[in-house]
N, C-alpha and C. Protein backbone atom coordinates (compact mmCIF):
# COMPACT_ATOMS: atom_id res chain seq x y z
N MET A 1 11.24 85.70 18.86
CA MET A 1 11.56 84.20 18.65
C MET A 1 10.81 83.30 19.58
N ASN A 2 10.00 82.85 19.18
CA ASN A 2 9.26 81.73 20.27
C ASN A 2 9.66 80.49 19.76
N GLU A 3 10.96 80.17 20.10
CA GLU A 3 11.13 78.82 19.52
C GLU A 3 10.56 77.60 20.25
N PRO A 4 10.23 76.55 20.02
CA PRO A 4 9.20 75.34 21.15
C PRO A 4 10.71 75.04 22.14
N MET A 5 10.30 74.70 23.58
CA MET A 5 11.33 74.68 24.37
C MET A 5 11.29 72.87 24.38
N ALA A 6 12.70 72.74 24.29
CA ALA A 6 13.23 71.00 23.89
C ALA A 6 12.72 70.47 25.49
N THR A 7 12.57 68.77 25.02
CA THR A 7 12.01 68.30 25.76
C THR A 7 13.26 67.44 26.42
N HIS A 8 13.35 67.33 27.95
CA HIS A 8 14.33 67.01 28.68
C HIS A 8 14.50 65.63 28.98
N GLY A 9 13.06 65.59 29.55
CA GLY A 9 12.59 64.13 30.17
C GLY A 9 11.27 63.81 30.16
N ILE A 10 11.11 62.63 30.31
CA ILE A 10 9.58 62.20 30.61
C ILE A 10 9.39 61.30 31.50
N MET A 11 8.79 61.79 32.45
CA MET A 11 8.60 60.66 33.58
C MET A 11 6.81 59.80 33.86
N ALA A 12 6.67 58.67 33.80
CA ALA A 12 5.46 58.21 33.74
C ALA A 12 5.15 56.85 35.07
N GLU A 13 4.37 56.92 35.24
CA GLU A 13 3.82 55.69 36.18
C GLU A 13 2.62 55.00 35.61
N PHE A 14 2.74 53.39 35.79
CA PHE A 14 1.96 52.17 35.18
C PHE A 14 1.93 51.44 36.23
N GLU A 15 0.56 50.96 35.64
CA GLU A 15 -0.29 50.07 36.47
C GLU A 15 0.42 48.64 36.53
N SER A 16 1.39 48.52 36.07
CA SER A 16 1.46 46.67 35.99
C SER A 16 3.04 46.62 35.03
N PRO A 17 3.36 45.67 35.79
CA PRO A 17 4.69 45.34 35.45
C PRO A 17 4.69 45.16 33.80
N GLU A 18 3.46 44.52 33.07
CA GLU A 18 3.56 44.34 31.53
C GLU A 18 3.18 45.91 30.50
N GLN A 19 2.93 46.39 31.66
CA GLN A 19 2.48 48.05 30.90
C GLN A 19 4.22 48.92 30.49
N LEU A 20 4.55 48.77 31.90
CA LEU A 20 6.16 49.32 31.85
C LEU A 20 7.32 48.98 30.57
N LEU A 21 6.90 47.43 30.61
CA LEU A 21 7.80 46.51 29.65
C LEU A 21 7.08 47.05 28.43
N ALA A 22 5.77 47.06 28.13
CA ALA A 22 5.34 47.45 26.79
C ALA A 22 5.95 49.20 26.54
N ALA A 23 5.98 49.59 27.56
CA ALA A 23 6.47 51.16 26.73
C ALA A 23 7.83 51.39 26.42
N ALA A 24 8.64 50.72 27.13
CA ALA A 24 10.27 50.45 26.94
C ALA A 24 10.32 50.12 25.82
N GLN A 25 10.04 48.96 25.48
CA GLN A 25 9.74 48.64 24.02
C GLN A 25 10.02 49.41 22.87
N ARG A 26 8.37 50.12 23.41
CA ARG A 26 8.12 50.79 22.01
C ARG A 26 9.01 52.43 22.07
N ALA A 27 9.45 52.53 23.43
CA ALA A 27 10.55 53.49 23.40
C ALA A 27 11.47 53.53 22.46
N TYR A 28 12.42 52.34 23.21
CA TYR A 28 13.11 51.59 22.20
C TYR A 28 12.93 51.81 20.69
N GLY A 29 11.72 51.16 20.54
CA GLY A 29 11.96 50.53 19.15
C GLY A 29 11.28 52.10 18.33
N GLU A 30 11.11 53.02 18.78
CA GLU A 30 11.25 54.35 18.15
C GLU A 30 11.98 55.06 18.15
N GLY A 31 13.54 54.61 18.70
CA GLY A 31 14.62 55.23 18.34
C GLY A 31 14.94 55.98 19.85
N TYR A 32 14.67 55.63 20.50
CA TYR A 32 14.98 56.66 22.42
C TYR A 32 15.95 55.48 22.65
N ARG A 33 17.52 55.97 23.34
CA ARG A 33 18.59 55.08 23.68
C ARG A 33 18.61 56.02 25.08
N ARG A 34 18.39 56.72 25.30
CA ARG A 34 18.84 57.29 26.75
C ARG A 34 17.24 56.97 27.79
N LEU A 35 17.43 55.45 28.16
CA LEU A 35 16.47 55.65 28.74
C LEU A 35 16.78 54.78 30.11
N ASP A 36 15.57 54.78 30.98
CA ASP A 36 15.67 54.27 32.51
C ASP A 36 14.40 53.98 32.98
N ALA A 37 14.42 53.29 33.83
CA ALA A 37 13.11 52.21 34.34
C ALA A 37 13.59 51.96 35.64
N TYR A 38 12.28 52.33 36.43
CA TYR A 38 12.47 52.10 38.04
C TYR A 38 11.30 50.84 38.46
N SER A 39 12.06 49.93 39.10
CA SER A 39 10.89 49.06 40.03
C SER A 39 11.15 48.72 41.22
N PRO A 40 10.14 48.37 42.13
CA PRO A 40 10.33 47.74 43.15
C PRO A 40 11.06 46.49 43.17
N LEU A 41 10.43 45.61 42.05
CA LEU A 41 10.95 44.40 42.14
C LEU A 41 11.62 44.12 40.31
N PRO A 42 11.93 43.29 40.40
CA PRO A 42 12.67 42.76 39.09
C PRO A 42 11.58 42.59 37.89
N ILE A 43 11.80 42.85 36.24
CA ILE A 43 10.44 43.05 35.68
C ILE A 43 11.32 41.60 34.52
N HIS A 44 11.31 41.04 34.49
CA HIS A 44 12.02 40.30 33.33
C HIS A 44 11.57 40.62 31.94
N GLY A 45 13.05 40.78 30.96
CA GLY A 45 13.10 41.05 30.17
C GLY A 45 13.32 43.38 29.58
N LEU A 46 12.94 43.74 31.05
CA LEU A 46 13.22 45.30 31.24
C LEU A 46 14.30 45.63 30.68
N ALA A 47 15.52 45.05 31.21
CA ALA A 47 16.61 45.57 30.94
C ALA A 47 17.21 45.15 29.03
N ALA A 48 16.49 44.73 28.63
CA ALA A 48 16.43 43.98 27.48
C ALA A 48 15.95 44.86 26.81
N ALA A 49 15.03 45.21 27.37
CA ALA A 49 13.60 46.66 26.37
C ALA A 49 14.40 47.89 26.36
N LEU A 50 15.24 47.84 27.35
CA LEU A 50 15.77 49.52 27.29
C LEU A 50 17.51 49.65 26.79
N GLY A 51 17.51 48.19 26.20
CA GLY A 51 19.16 48.40 25.60
C GLY A 51 20.45 47.62 26.25
N PHE A 52 19.61 47.16 27.82
CA PHE A 52 21.28 47.06 28.09
C PHE A 52 21.71 46.16 28.10
N THR A 53 22.74 46.14 28.18
CA THR A 53 23.42 44.17 27.82
C THR A 53 23.96 43.99 29.02
N ALA A 54 24.54 42.48 29.20
CA ALA A 54 25.13 42.16 30.54
C ALA A 54 26.57 42.88 31.01
N ALA A 55 27.16 43.52 29.64
CA ALA A 55 27.99 44.47 29.99
C ALA A 55 27.70 45.69 30.36
N ALA A 56 26.74 46.32 30.05
CA ALA A 56 26.18 47.64 30.35
C ALA A 56 25.63 47.46 31.96
N VAL A 57 25.20 46.47 32.22
CA VAL A 57 24.89 46.30 34.04
C VAL A 57 25.91 46.07 34.81
N SER A 58 25.89 47.37 35.51
CA SER A 58 27.43 47.31 36.49
C SER A 58 26.99 46.87 37.86
N GLY A 59 25.92 47.22 38.19
CA GLY A 59 25.31 47.24 39.96
C GLY A 59 24.27 46.45 40.32
N ALA A 60 24.25 46.13 41.40
CA ALA A 60 23.03 45.62 41.61
C ALA A 60 22.27 46.25 42.65
N VAL A 61 21.58 46.05 43.22
CA VAL A 61 20.18 46.55 44.56
C VAL A 61 20.60 45.76 45.48
N THR A 62 20.95 45.97 46.61
CA THR A 62 20.58 44.84 47.61
C THR A 62 19.49 45.73 48.64
N TYR A 63 18.73 44.37 48.99
CA TYR A 63 18.02 44.84 50.04
C TYR A 63 17.94 43.90 51.49
N SER A 64 18.26 44.47 52.33
CA SER A 64 18.02 43.58 53.46
C SER A 64 16.44 42.45 53.30
N PRO A 65 16.83 41.53 54.00
CA PRO A 65 15.46 40.61 53.83
C PRO A 65 14.63 41.13 54.88
N GLU A 66 14.26 41.63 55.59
CA GLU A 66 13.54 42.58 56.06
C GLU A 66 12.47 43.96 55.39
N ALA A 67 13.86 44.51 54.47
CA ALA A 67 12.82 45.83 53.59
C ALA A 67 12.58 44.26 52.39
N LEU A 68 13.08 43.85 52.04
CA LEU A 68 12.42 42.93 50.90
C LEU A 68 11.22 42.25 51.01
N GLN A 69 11.27 41.60 52.49
CA GLN A 69 9.75 41.34 53.04
C GLN A 69 8.48 42.33 52.93
N ASP A 70 9.22 43.31 53.52
CA ASP A 70 8.13 44.65 53.46
C ASP A 70 7.71 44.86 52.68
N GLU A 71 8.70 44.80 51.35
CA GLU A 71 8.12 45.42 49.96
C GLU A 71 7.23 44.84 49.32
N ILE A 72 7.58 42.84 49.00
CA ILE A 72 6.59 42.55 48.74
C ILE A 72 4.81 42.60 49.27
N GLN A 73 5.34 42.29 50.58
CA GLN A 73 3.98 42.56 51.59
C GLN A 73 2.92 43.23 51.33
N THR A 74 3.91 44.84 50.37
CA THR A 74 2.83 45.75 49.58
C THR A 74 1.93 45.41 48.81
N LEU A 75 2.57 44.39 48.20
CA LEU A 75 1.95 43.92 46.67
C LEU A 75 0.25 43.43 46.72
N PRO A 76 -1.05 43.84 46.35
CA PRO A 76 -2.04 43.25 46.18
C PRO A 76 -1.80 42.08 46.02
N GLY A 77 -2.41 40.67 47.55
CA GLY A 77 -2.64 39.42 46.75
C GLY A 77 -1.26 38.87 47.56
N ALA A 78 -0.07 39.46 48.17
CA ALA A 78 1.00 39.05 48.00
C ALA A 78 1.02 38.03 48.66
N PRO A 79 1.38 36.47 48.77
CA PRO A 79 1.67 35.80 50.11
C PRO A 79 2.59 35.93 51.19
N PRO A 80 2.31 35.58 52.08
CA PRO A 80 3.31 35.32 53.47
C PRO A 80 4.74 35.09 52.65
N VAL A 81 5.66 35.63 53.31
CA VAL A 81 6.71 36.06 52.45
C VAL A 81 7.91 35.67 53.87
N SER A 82 8.80 34.40 54.29
CA SER A 82 10.34 34.86 54.99
C SER A 82 11.22 34.37 54.16
N PHE A 83 12.11 34.93 54.71
CA PHE A 83 13.56 34.72 54.23
C PHE A 83 14.47 34.09 55.52
N LYS A 84 15.64 33.10 55.35
CA LYS A 84 16.57 32.43 55.64
C LYS A 84 17.46 33.24 55.64
N MET A 85 18.51 33.58 56.52
CA MET A 85 19.51 34.31 56.54
C MET A 85 20.66 33.42 56.15
N PHE A 86 21.88 33.51 54.84
CA PHE A 86 22.92 32.68 54.66
C PHE A 86 24.16 33.94 54.61
N SER A 87 25.23 33.01 54.95
CA SER A 87 26.45 33.63 54.82
C SER A 87 27.20 32.86 53.78
N GLY A 88 28.12 33.75 52.96
CA GLY A 88 28.74 33.29 51.64
C GLY A 88 28.46 32.71 50.37
N TYR A 89 29.38 32.77 49.35
CA TYR A 89 28.96 32.42 48.68
C TYR A 89 29.42 30.76 47.89
């Protein structure tokens, strides 16, 4: 009984946000529904490409200004960035 092993997950790394977005769109288009993606910065259209709706997005990622500034500075060709603190909404 040499049954093929079931695939439980696949992980990939992409060189650009555009490649990640295209892969998510293709996977969803092929019928995959249990998808997720991770990026240090938001990618416009990625949530929709994964099939998320506004009601399905329940949380938010919170960065301190310092951590976000450090993250942005690691991007190739990133301009100098500074954030001003504010309180209240």
